[in-house]
Amino acid sequence: MRNLKFKFLLPVAAFMLAIAAAFASQTEEQVESALVQGYIYQNGVCVPHGKCDNSSTVICSDGSRQVFGKNGPTTCSLPLFMNWQP
Protein backbone atom coordinates (compact mmCIF):
# COMPACT_ATOMS: atom_id res chain seq x y z
CA MET A 1 0.00 0.00 0.00
CA ARG A 2 2.84 2.35 0.87
CA ASN A 3 4.55 1.61 -2.45
CA LEU A 4 1.32 2.39 -4.32
CA LYS A 5 1.04 5.84 -2.70
CA PHE A 6 4.66 6.60 -3.58
CA LYS A 7 4.13 5.58 -7.23
CA PHE A 8 1.11 7.88 -7.43
CA LEU A 9 2.43 10.90 -5.49
CA LEU A 10 5.88 11.15 -7.10
CA PRO A 11 4.60 11.98 -10.63
CA VAL A 12 1.98 14.35 -9.19
CA ALA A 13 4.64 16.15 -7.16
CA ALA A 14 6.93 16.39 -10.21
CA PHE A 15 4.09 17.81 -12.29
CA MET A 16 3.24 20.39 -9.61
CA LEU A 17 6.89 21.40 -9.37
CA ALA A 18 7.06 21.84 -13.15
CA ILE A 19 3.98 24.08 -13.12
CA ALA A 20 5.37 26.20 -10.27
CA ALA A 21 8.70 26.58 -12.08
CA ALA A 22 6.96 27.62 -15.29
CA PHE A 23 5.07 30.40 -13.54
CA ALA A 24 8.08 31.51 -11.50
CA SER A 25 10.29 31.86 -14.57
CA GLN A 26 7.90 34.15 -16.48
CA THR A 27 9.06 37.74 -16.79
CA GLU A 28 6.63 40.61 -16.41
CA GLU A 29 5.36 41.94 -19.68
CA GLN A 30 6.18 45.52 -20.49
CA VAL A 31 3.20 47.74 -20.93
CA GLU A 32 2.92 48.90 -24.48
CA SER A 33 1.85 52.46 -24.71
CA ALA A 34 -0.36 53.66 -27.49
CA LEU A 35 0.40 56.93 -29.19
CA VAL A 36 -2.10 59.69 -28.47
CA GLN A 37 -2.64 62.59 -30.84
CA GLY A 38 -1.24 65.77 -29.34
CA TYR A 39 -2.60 69.29 -29.85
CA ILE A 40 -1.35 72.79 -29.18
CA TYR A 41 -3.65 75.72 -28.51
CA GLN A 42 -2.97 78.28 -31.24
CA ASN A 43 -5.10 81.37 -32.03
CA GLY A 44 -8.03 79.97 -30.03
CA VAL A 45 -8.06 76.67 -31.95
CA CYS A 46 -6.69 73.21 -31.14
CA VAL A 47 -4.11 72.39 -33.81
CA PRO A 48 -2.78 68.79 -34.23
CA HIS A 49 0.88 68.74 -33.26
CA GLY A 50 2.68 65.39 -33.00
CA LYS A 51 1.93 62.48 -30.71
CA CYS A 52 2.73 61.52 -27.12
CA ASP A 53 3.00 57.97 -25.80
CA ASN A 54 1.76 58.58 -22.23
CA SER A 55 4.41 56.30 -20.69
CA SER A 56 6.04 58.64 -18.19
CA THR A 57 5.23 61.26 -15.59
CA VAL A 58 7.01 64.08 -17.42
CA ILE A 59 4.70 66.54 -19.20
CA CYS A 60 4.76 66.13 -22.98
CA SER A 61 6.25 69.05 -24.89
CA ASP A 62 7.85 69.60 -28.27
CA GLY A 63 10.76 71.42 -26.68
CA SER A 64 9.20 74.82 -26.12
CA ARG A 65 5.41 74.28 -25.98
CA GLN A 66 3.33 71.88 -23.92
CA VAL A 67 1.33 69.40 -25.99
CA PHE A 68 -2.21 68.56 -24.84
CA GLY A 69 -4.82 65.93 -25.61
CA LYS A 70 -8.42 66.68 -26.56
CA ASN A 71 -10.96 66.29 -23.80
CA GLY A 72 -13.92 67.37 -25.87
CA PRO A 73 -14.77 68.29 -29.45
CA THR A 74 -13.42 71.84 -29.14
CA THR A 75 -11.14 71.94 -26.09
CA CYS A 76 -7.60 70.66 -25.76
CA SER A 77 -6.55 70.96 -22.15
CA LEU A 78 -5.97 67.30 -21.20
CA PRO A 79 -2.35 66.97 -20.06
CA LEU A 80 -0.30 64.35 -21.90
CA PHE A 81 2.99 62.86 -20.81
CA MET A 82 6.32 62.09 -22.51
CA ASN A 83 7.61 61.13 -25.07
CA TRP A 84 6.67 63.51 -27.87
CA GLN A 85 6.98 62.28 -31.45
CA PRO A 86 6.50 64.48 -34.53
PDB file of N, CA and C in Angstrom:
ATOM      1  N   MET A   1       0.823  -1.186   0.000  1.00  0.00           N
ATOM      2  CA  MET A   1       0.000   0.000   0.000  1.00  0.00           C
ATOM      3  C   MET A   1       0.875   1.261   0.000  1.00  0.00           C
ATOM      4  N   ARG A   2       1.944   1.203   0.792  1.00  0.00           N
ATOM      5  CA  ARG A   2       2.836   2.352   0.867  1.00  0.00           C
ATOM      6  C   ARG A   2       3.530   2.584  -0.478  1.00  0.00           C
ATOM      7  N   ASN A   3       3.897   1.528  -1.155  1.00  0.00           N
ATOM      8  CA  ASN A   3       4.555   1.611  -2.452  1.00  0.00           C
ATOM      9  C   ASN A   3       3.612   2.195  -3.498  1.00  0.00           C
ATOM     10  N   LEU A   4       2.321   1.882  -3.394  1.00  0.00           N
ATOM     11  CA  LEU A   4       1.322   2.387  -4.325  1.00  0.00           C
ATOM     12  C   LEU A   4       1.151   3.904  -4.166  1.00  0.00           C
ATOM     13  N   LYS A   5       1.146   4.403  -2.940  1.00  0.00           N
ATOM     14  CA  LYS A   5       1.041   5.839  -2.699  1.00  0.00           C
ATOM     15  C   LYS A   5       2.256   6.566  -3.275  1.00  0.00           C
ATOM     16  N   PHE A   6       3.427   5.997  -3.084  1.00  0.00           N
ATOM     17  CA  PHE A   6       4.658   6.601  -3.582  1.00  0.00           C
ATOM     18  C   PHE A   6       4.639   6.679  -5.109  1.00  0.00           C
ATOM     19  N   LYS A   7       4.186   5.605  -5.772  1.00  0.00           N
ATOM     20  CA  LYS A   7       4.131   5.576  -7.235  1.00  0.00           C
ATOM     21  C   LYS A   7       3.112   6.596  -7.774  1.00  0.00           C
ATOM     22  N   PHE A   8       2.107   6.908  -7.002  1.00  0.00           N
ATOM     23  CA  PHE A   8       1.107   7.877  -7.428  1.00  0.00           C
ATOM     24  C   PHE A   8       1.549   9.309  -7.120  1.00  0.00           C
ATOM     25  N   LEU A   9       2.100   9.542  -5.919  1.00  0.00           N
ATOM     26  CA  LEU A   9       2.428  10.895  -5.488  1.00  0.00           C
ATOM     27  C   LEU A   9       3.690  11.461  -6.137  1.00  0.00           C
ATOM     28  N   LEU A  10       4.643  10.639  -6.499  1.00  0.00           N
ATOM     29  CA  LEU A  10       5.878  11.148  -7.099  1.00  0.00           C
ATOM     30  C   LEU A  10       5.624  11.831  -8.450  1.00  0.00           C
ATOM     31  N   PRO A  11       4.883  11.260  -9.384  1.00  0.00           N
ATOM     32  CA  PRO A  11       4.599  11.983 -10.632  1.00  0.00           C
ATOM     33  C   PRO A  11       3.736  13.234 -10.419  1.00  0.00           C
ATOM     34  N   VAL A  12       2.806  13.186  -9.482  1.00  0.00           N
ATOM     35  CA  VAL A  12       1.976  14.349  -9.193  1.00  0.00           C
ATOM     36  C   VAL A  12       2.843  15.471  -8.639  1.00  0.00           C
ATOM     37  N   ALA A  13       3.751  15.145  -7.731  1.00  0.00           N
ATOM     38  CA  ALA A  13       4.645  16.155  -7.160  1.00  0.00           C
ATOM     39  C   ALA A  13       5.568  16.735  -8.223  1.00  0.00           C
ATOM     40  N   ALA A  14       6.067  15.908  -9.133  1.00  0.00           N
ATOM     41  CA  ALA A  14       6.934  16.391 -10.211  1.00  0.00           C
ATOM     42  C   ALA A  14       6.161  17.321 -11.152  1.00  0.00           C
ATOM     43  N   PHE A  15       4.933  16.988 -11.432  1.00  0.00           N
ATOM     44  CA  PHE A  15       4.093  17.809 -12.293  1.00  0.00           C
ATOM     45  C   PHE A  15       3.803  19.156 -11.633  1.00  0.00           C
ATOM     46  N   MET A  16       3.497  19.150 -10.341  1.00  0.00           N
ATOM     47  CA  MET A  16       3.237  20.391  -9.613  1.00  0.00           C
ATOM     48  C   MET A  16       4.492  21.272  -9.562  1.00  0.00           C
ATOM     49  N   LEU A  17       5.644  20.655  -9.381  1.00  0.00           N
ATOM     50  CA  LEU A  17       6.894  21.399  -9.367  1.00  0.00           C
ATOM     51  C   LEU A  17       7.165  22.028 -10.732  1.00  0.00           C
ATOM     52  N   ALA A  18       6.871  21.307 -11.806  1.00  0.00           N
ATOM     53  CA  ALA A  18       7.063  21.842 -13.155  1.00  0.00           C
ATOM     54  C   ALA A  18       6.139  23.042 -13.412  1.00  0.00           C
ATOM     55  N   ILE A  19       4.921  22.961 -12.955  1.00  0.00           N
ATOM     56  CA  ILE A  19       3.982  24.079 -13.119  1.00  0.00           C
ATOM     57  C   ILE A  19       4.459  25.292 -12.334  1.00  0.00           C
ATOM     58  N   ALA A  20       4.886  25.096 -11.104  1.00  0.00           N
ATOM     59  CA  ALA A  20       5.366  26.200 -10.273  1.00  0.00           C
ATOM     60  C   ALA A  20       6.606  26.840 -10.900  1.00  0.00           C
ATOM     61  N   ALA A  21       7.501  26.041 -11.435  1.00  0.00           N
ATOM     62  CA  ALA A  21       8.702  26.582 -12.076  1.00  0.00           C
ATOM     63  C   ALA A  21       8.353  27.362 -13.338  1.00  0.00           C
ATOM     64  N   ALA A  22       7.368  26.911 -14.078  1.00  0.00           N
ATOM     65  CA  ALA A  22       6.964  27.618 -15.293  1.00  0.00           C
ATOM     66  C   ALA A  22       6.411  29.004 -14.954  1.00  0.00           C
ATOM     67  N   PHE A  23       5.605  29.101 -13.924  1.00  0.00           N
ATOM     68  CA  PHE A  23       5.071  30.405 -13.541  1.00  0.00           C
ATOM     69  C   PHE A  23       6.139  31.294 -12.913  1.00  0.00           C
ATOM     70  N   ALA A  24       7.045  30.719 -12.167  1.00  0.00           N
ATOM     71  CA  ALA A  24       8.084  31.506 -11.503  1.00  0.00           C
ATOM     72  C   ALA A  24       9.100  32.063 -12.486  1.00  0.00           C
ATOM     73  N   SER A  25       9.282  31.413 -13.614  1.00  0.00           N
ATOM     74  CA  SER A  25      10.291  31.864 -14.573  1.00  0.00           C
ATOM     75  C   SER A  25       9.762  32.875 -15.582  1.00  0.00           C
ATOM     76  N   GLN A  26       8.468  33.184 -15.550  1.00  0.00           N
ATOM     77  CA  GLN A  26       7.898  34.154 -16.482  1.00  0.00           C
ATOM     78  C   GLN A  26       8.307  35.563 -16.082  1.00  0.00           C
ATOM     79  N   THR A  27       8.731  36.351 -17.062  1.00  0.00           N
ATOM     80  CA  THR A  27       9.056  37.743 -16.794  1.00  0.00           C
ATOM     81  C   THR A  27       7.804  38.585 -16.964  1.00  0.00           C
ATOM     82  N   GLU A  28       7.773  39.719 -16.282  1.00  0.00           N
ATOM     83  CA  GLU A  28       6.629  40.607 -16.408  1.00  0.00           C
ATOM     84  C   GLU A  28       6.633  41.237 -17.790  1.00  0.00           C
ATOM     85  N   GLU A  29       5.468  41.327 -18.366  1.00  0.00           N
ATOM     86  CA  GLU A  29       5.356  41.943 -19.675  1.00  0.00           C
ATOM     87  C   GLU A  29       5.451  43.453 -19.533  1.00  0.00           C
ATOM     88  N   GLN A  30       6.117  44.070 -20.490  1.00  0.00           N
ATOM     89  CA  GLN A  30       6.182  45.516 -20.490  1.00  0.00           C
ATOM     90  C   GLN A  30       4.886  46.062 -21.068  1.00  0.00           C
ATOM     91  N   VAL A  31       4.436  47.115 -20.462  1.00  0.00           N
ATOM     92  CA  VAL A  31       3.202  47.739 -20.929  1.00  0.00           C
ATOM     93  C   VAL A  31       3.495  48.497 -22.212  1.00  0.00           C
ATOM     94  N   GLU A  32       2.759  48.168 -23.239  1.00  0.00           N
ATOM     95  CA  GLU A  32       2.918  48.898 -24.475  1.00  0.00           C
ATOM     96  C   GLU A  32       2.040  50.134 -24.420  1.00  0.00           C
ATOM     97  N   SER A  33       2.622  51.231 -24.763  1.00  0.00           N
ATOM     98  CA  SER A  33       1.853  52.460 -24.713  1.00  0.00           C
ATOM     99  C   SER A  33       1.404  52.844 -26.118  1.00  0.00           C
ATOM    100  N   ALA A  34       0.176  53.223 -26.216  1.00  0.00           N
ATOM    101  CA  ALA A  34      -0.362  53.659 -27.490  1.00  0.00           C
ATOM    102  C   ALA A  34      -0.089  55.147 -27.676  1.00  0.00           C
ATOM    103  N   LEU A  35       0.185  55.527 -28.896  1.00  0.00           N
ATOM    104  CA  LEU A  35       0.405  56.933 -29.190  1.00  0.00           C
ATOM    105  C   LEU A  35      -0.925  57.673 -29.180  1.00  0.00           C
ATOM    106  N   VAL A  36      -0.906  58.842 -28.569  1.00  0.00           N
ATOM    107  CA  VAL A  36      -2.099  59.685 -28.466  1.00  0.00           C
ATOM    108  C   VAL A  36      -1.825  60.956 -29.261  1.00  0.00           C
ATOM    109  N   GLN A  37      -2.789  61.361 -30.061  1.00  0.00           N
ATOM    110  CA  GLN A  37      -2.636  62.591 -30.838  1.00  0.00           C
ATOM    111  C   GLN A  37      -2.485  63.772 -29.896  1.00  0.00           C
ATOM    112  N   GLY A  38      -1.463  64.578 -30.140  1.00  0.00           N
ATOM    113  CA  GLY A  38      -1.240  65.772 -29.335  1.00  0.00           C
ATOM    114  C   GLY A  38      -1.710  67.022 -30.058  1.00  0.00           C
ATOM    115  N   TYR A  39      -2.104  68.033 -29.288  1.00  0.00           N
ATOM    116  CA  TYR A  39      -2.599  69.288 -29.846  1.00  0.00           C
ATOM    117  C   TYR A  39      -1.940  70.448 -29.109  1.00  0.00           C
ATOM    118  N   ILE A  40      -1.761  71.543 -29.815  1.00  0.00           N
ATOM    119  CA  ILE A  40      -1.354  72.792 -29.181  1.00  0.00           C
ATOM    120  C   ILE A  40      -2.482  73.792 -29.385  1.00  0.00           C
ATOM    121  N   TYR A  41      -2.608  74.704 -28.448  1.00  0.00           N
ATOM    122  CA  TYR A  41      -3.650  75.725 -28.507  1.00  0.00           C
ATOM    123  C   TYR A  41      -3.058  76.935 -29.210  1.00  0.00           C
ATOM    124  N   GLN A  42      -3.546  77.213 -30.435  1.00  0.00           N
ATOM    125  CA  GLN A  42      -2.973  78.282 -31.242  1.00  0.00           C
ATOM    126  C   GLN A  42      -4.094  79.132 -31.833  1.00  0.00           C
ATOM    127  N   ASN A  43      -4.091  80.424 -31.531  1.00  0.00           N
ATOM    128  CA  ASN A  43      -5.101  81.369 -32.026  1.00  0.00           C
ATOM    129  C   ASN A  43      -6.522  80.927 -31.685  1.00  0.00           C
ATOM    130  N   GLY A  44      -6.710  80.375 -30.478  1.00  0.00           N
ATOM    131  CA  GLY A  44      -8.034  79.972 -30.032  1.00  0.00           C
ATOM    132  C   GLY A  44      -8.527  78.667 -30.618  1.00  0.00           C
ATOM    133  N   VAL A  45      -7.663  77.916 -31.295  1.00  0.00           N
ATOM    134  CA  VAL A  45      -8.056  76.667 -31.947  1.00  0.00           C
ATOM    135  C   VAL A  45      -7.062  75.571 -31.555  1.00  0.00           C
ATOM    136  N   CYS A  46      -7.564  74.359 -31.385  1.00  0.00           N
ATOM    137  CA  CYS A  46      -6.687  73.206 -31.139  1.00  0.00           C
ATOM    138  C   CYS A  46      -6.112  72.728 -32.462  1.00  0.00           C
ATOM    139  N   VAL A  47      -4.784  72.777 -32.576  1.00  0.00           N
ATOM    140  CA  VAL A  47      -4.106  72.390 -33.808  1.00  0.00           C
ATOM    141  C   VAL A  47      -3.346  71.088 -33.563  1.00  0.00           C
ATOM    142  N   PRO A  48      -3.535  70.031 -34.407  1.00  0.00           N
ATOM    143  CA  PRO A  48      -2.783  68.791 -34.228  1.00  0.00           C
ATOM    144  C   PRO A  48      -1.277  69.070 -34.278  1.00  0.00           C
ATOM    145  N   HIS A  49      -0.556  68.471 -33.344  1.00  0.00           N
ATOM    146  CA  HIS A  49       0.875  68.738 -33.260  1.00  0.00           C
ATOM    147  C   HIS A  49       1.596  67.534 -32.656  1.00  0.00           C
ATOM    148  N   GLY A  50       1.922  66.549 -33.457  1.00  0.00           N
ATOM    149  CA  GLY A  50       2.681  65.388 -33.005  1.00  0.00           C
ATOM    150  C   GLY A  50       1.865  64.437 -32.149  1.00  0.00           C
ATOM    151  N   LYS A  51       2.571  63.495 -31.542  1.00  0.00           N
ATOM    152  CA  LYS A  51       1.932  62.480 -30.710  1.00  0.00           C
ATOM    153  C   LYS A  51       2.748  62.281 -29.447  1.00  0.00           C
ATOM    154  N   CYS A  52       2.076  61.837 -28.383  1.00  0.00           N
ATOM    155  CA  CYS A  52       2.732  61.521 -27.116  1.00  0.00           C
ATOM    156  C   CYS A  52       2.370  60.082 -26.768  1.00  0.00           C
ATOM    157  N   ASP A  53       3.288  59.369 -26.094  1.00  0.00           N
ATOM    158  CA  ASP A  53       3.003  57.968 -25.805  1.00  0.00           C
ATOM    159  C   ASP A  53       2.462  57.694 -24.404  1.00  0.00           C
ATOM    160  N   ASN A  54       2.347  58.716 -23.572  1.00  0.00           N
ATOM    161  CA  ASN A  54       1.762  58.579 -22.232  1.00  0.00           C
ATOM    162  C   ASN A  54       2.406  57.475 -21.395  1.00  0.00           C
ATOM    163  N   SER A  55       3.741  57.365 -21.438  1.00  0.00           N
ATOM    164  CA  SER A  55       4.409  56.303 -20.686  1.00  0.00           C
ATOM    165  C   SER A  55       5.245  56.816 -19.534  1.00  0.00           C
ATOM    166  N   SER A  56       5.195  58.076 -19.233  1.00  0.00           N
ATOM    167  CA  SER A  56       6.038  58.640 -18.194  1.00  0.00           C
ATOM    168  C   SER A  56       5.221  59.601 -17.341  1.00  0.00           C
ATOM    169  N   THR A  57       5.894  60.262 -16.414  1.00  0.00           N
ATOM    170  CA  THR A  57       5.227  61.258 -15.587  1.00  0.00           C
ATOM    171  C   THR A  57       5.654  62.662 -15.975  1.00  0.00           C
ATOM    172  N   VAL A  58       6.537  62.782 -16.961  1.00  0.00           N
ATOM    173  CA  VAL A  58       7.013  64.081 -17.417  1.00  0.00           C
ATOM    174  C   VAL A  58       6.019  64.634 -18.433  1.00  0.00           C
ATOM    175  N   ILE A  59       5.662  65.900 -18.295  1.00  0.00           N
ATOM    176  CA  ILE A  59       4.702  66.536 -19.200  1.00  0.00           C
ATOM    177  C   ILE A  59       5.243  66.516 -20.631  1.00  0.00           C
ATOM    178  N   CYS A  60       4.377  66.210 -21.580  1.00  0.00           N
ATOM    179  CA  CYS A  60       4.758  66.130 -22.984  1.00  0.00           C
ATOM    180  C   CYS A  60       4.908  67.529 -23.574  1.00  0.00           C
ATOM    181  N   SER A  61       6.034  67.768 -24.210  1.00  0.00           N
ATOM    182  CA  SER A  61       6.248  69.050 -24.890  1.00  0.00           C
ATOM    183  C   SER A  61       7.118  68.807 -26.111  1.00  0.00           C
ATOM    184  N   ASP A  62       7.045  69.730 -27.066  1.00  0.00           N
ATOM    185  CA  ASP A  62       7.850  69.602 -28.274  1.00  0.00           C
ATOM    186  C   ASP A  62       9.196  70.315 -28.127  1.00  0.00           C
ATOM    187  N   GLY A  63       9.523  70.709 -26.946  1.00  0.00           N
ATOM    188  CA  GLY A  63      10.757  71.416 -26.675  1.00  0.00           C
ATOM    189  C   GLY A  63      10.491  72.779 -26.081  1.00  0.00           C
ATOM    190  N   SER A  64       9.509  73.483 -26.635  1.00  0.00           N
ATOM    191  CA  SER A  64       9.198  74.817 -26.121  1.00  0.00           C
ATOM    192  C   SER A  64       7.739  74.962 -25.700  1.00  0.00           C
ATOM    193  N   ARG A  65       6.835  74.174 -26.287  1.00  0.00           N
ATOM    194  CA  ARG A  65       5.408  74.284 -25.981  1.00  0.00           C
ATOM    195  C   ARG A  65       4.873  72.972 -25.425  1.00  0.00           C
ATOM    196  N   GLN A  66       3.969  73.076 -24.455  1.00  0.00           N
ATOM    197  CA  GLN A  66       3.333  71.885 -23.918  1.00  0.00           C
ATOM    198  C   GLN A  66       2.307  71.372 -24.917  1.00  0.00           C
ATOM    199  N   VAL A  67       2.271  70.050 -25.068  1.00  0.00           N
ATOM    200  CA  VAL A  67       1.331  69.398 -25.986  1.00  0.00           C
ATOM    201  C   VAL A  67       0.210  68.788 -25.155  1.00  0.00           C
ATOM    202  N   PHE A  68      -1.033  69.011 -25.568  1.00  0.00           N
ATOM    203  CA  PHE A  68      -2.209  68.559 -24.835  1.00  0.00           C
ATOM    204  C   PHE A  68      -2.976  67.522 -25.639  1.00  0.00           C
ATOM    205  N   GLY A  69      -3.888  66.831 -24.958  1.00  0.00           N
ATOM    206  CA  GLY A  69      -4.825  65.933 -25.612  1.00  0.00           C
ATOM    207  C   GLY A  69      -6.197  66.571 -25.607  1.00  0.00           C
ATOM    208  N   LYS A  70      -7.056  66.135 -26.505  1.00  0.00           N
ATOM    209  CA  LYS A  70      -8.416  66.676 -26.563  1.00  0.00           C
ATOM    210  C   LYS A  70      -9.266  66.016 -25.492  1.00  0.00           C
ATOM    211  N   ASN A  71     -10.020  66.827 -24.771  1.00  0.00           N
ATOM    212  CA  ASN A  71     -10.959  66.289 -23.797  1.00  0.00           C
ATOM    213  C   ASN A  71     -12.392  66.683 -24.142  1.00  0.00           C
ATOM    214  N   GLY A  72     -12.605  67.017 -25.361  1.00  0.00           N
ATOM    215  CA  GLY A  72     -13.917  67.371 -25.867  1.00  0.00           C
ATOM    216  C   GLY A  72     -13.778  67.709 -27.344  1.00  0.00           C
ATOM    217  N   PRO A  73     -14.868  68.014 -28.022  1.00  0.00           N
ATOM    218  CA  PRO A  73     -14.771  68.295 -29.452  1.00  0.00           C
ATOM    219  C   PRO A  73     -14.040  69.596 -29.775  1.00  0.00           C
ATOM    220  N   THR A  74     -14.035  70.552 -28.835  1.00  0.00           N
ATOM    221  CA  THR A  74     -13.417  71.840 -29.141  1.00  0.00           C
ATOM    222  C   THR A  74     -12.331  72.256 -28.170  1.00  0.00           C
ATOM    223  N   THR A  75     -12.142  71.535 -27.078  1.00  0.00           N
ATOM    224  CA  THR A  75     -11.137  71.937 -26.086  1.00  0.00           C
ATOM    225  C   THR A  75      -9.976  70.956 -26.060  1.00  0.00           C
ATOM    226  N   CYS A  76      -8.799  71.512 -25.873  1.00  0.00           N
ATOM    227  CA  CYS A  76      -7.599  70.665 -25.761  1.00  0.00           C
ATOM    228  C   CYS A  76      -6.813  71.106 -24.529  1.00  0.00           C
ATOM    229  N   SER A  77      -7.223  70.598 -23.390  1.00  0.00           N
ATOM    230  CA  SER A  77      -6.546  70.957 -22.147  1.00  0.00           C
ATOM    231  C   SER A  77      -6.171  69.732 -21.325  1.00  0.00           C
ATOM    232  N   LEU A  78      -6.320  68.534 -21.889  1.00  0.00           N
ATOM    233  CA  LEU A  78      -5.969  67.299 -21.198  1.00  0.00           C
ATOM    234  C   LEU A  78      -4.458  67.122 -21.219  1.00  0.00           C
ATOM    235  N   PRO A  79      -3.799  67.097 -20.044  1.00  0.00           N
ATOM    236  CA  PRO A  79      -2.345  66.968 -20.056  1.00  0.00           C
ATOM    237  C   PRO A  79      -1.898  65.601 -20.556  1.00  0.00           C
ATOM    238  N   LEU A  80      -0.902  65.598 -21.422  1.00  0.00           N
ATOM    239  CA  LEU A  80      -0.299  64.355 -21.904  1.00  0.00           C
ATOM    240  C   LEU A  80       1.114  64.266 -21.324  1.00  0.00           C
ATOM    241  N   PHE A  81       1.681  63.073 -21.383  1.00  0.00           N
ATOM    242  CA  PHE A  81       2.992  62.858 -20.810  1.00  0.00           C
ATOM    243  C   PHE A  81       3.956  62.356 -21.874  1.00  0.00           C
ATOM    244  N   MET A  82       5.247  62.390 -21.564  1.00  0.00           N
ATOM    245  CA  MET A  82       6.315  62.095 -22.506  1.00  0.00           C
ATOM    246  C   MET A  82       6.121  60.736 -23.139  1.00  0.00           C
ATOM    247  N   ASN A  83       6.640  60.486 -24.206  1.00  0.00           N
ATOM    248  CA  ASN A  83       7.611  61.134 -25.072  1.00  0.00           C
ATOM    249  C   ASN A  83       6.919  61.675 -26.293  1.00  0.00           C
ATOM    250  N   TRP A  84       7.284  62.889 -26.714  1.00  0.00           N
ATOM    251  CA  TRP A  84       6.670  63.515 -27.869  1.00  0.00           C
ATOM    252  C   TRP A  84       7.311  62.986 -29.137  1.00  0.00           C
ATOM    253  N   GLN A  85       6.487  62.739 -30.156  1.00  0.00           N
ATOM    254  CA  GLN A  85       6.978  62.279 -31.449  1.00  0.00           C
ATOM    255  C   GLN A  85       6.308  63.112 -32.533  1.00  0.00           C
ATOM    256  N   PRO A  86       7.106  63.645 -33.467  1.00  0.00           N
ATOM    257  CA  PRO A  86       6.499  64.477 -34.531  1.00  0.00           C
ATOM    258  C   PRO A  86       5.567  63.694 -35.434  1.00  0.00           C
TER     259      PRO A  86
END
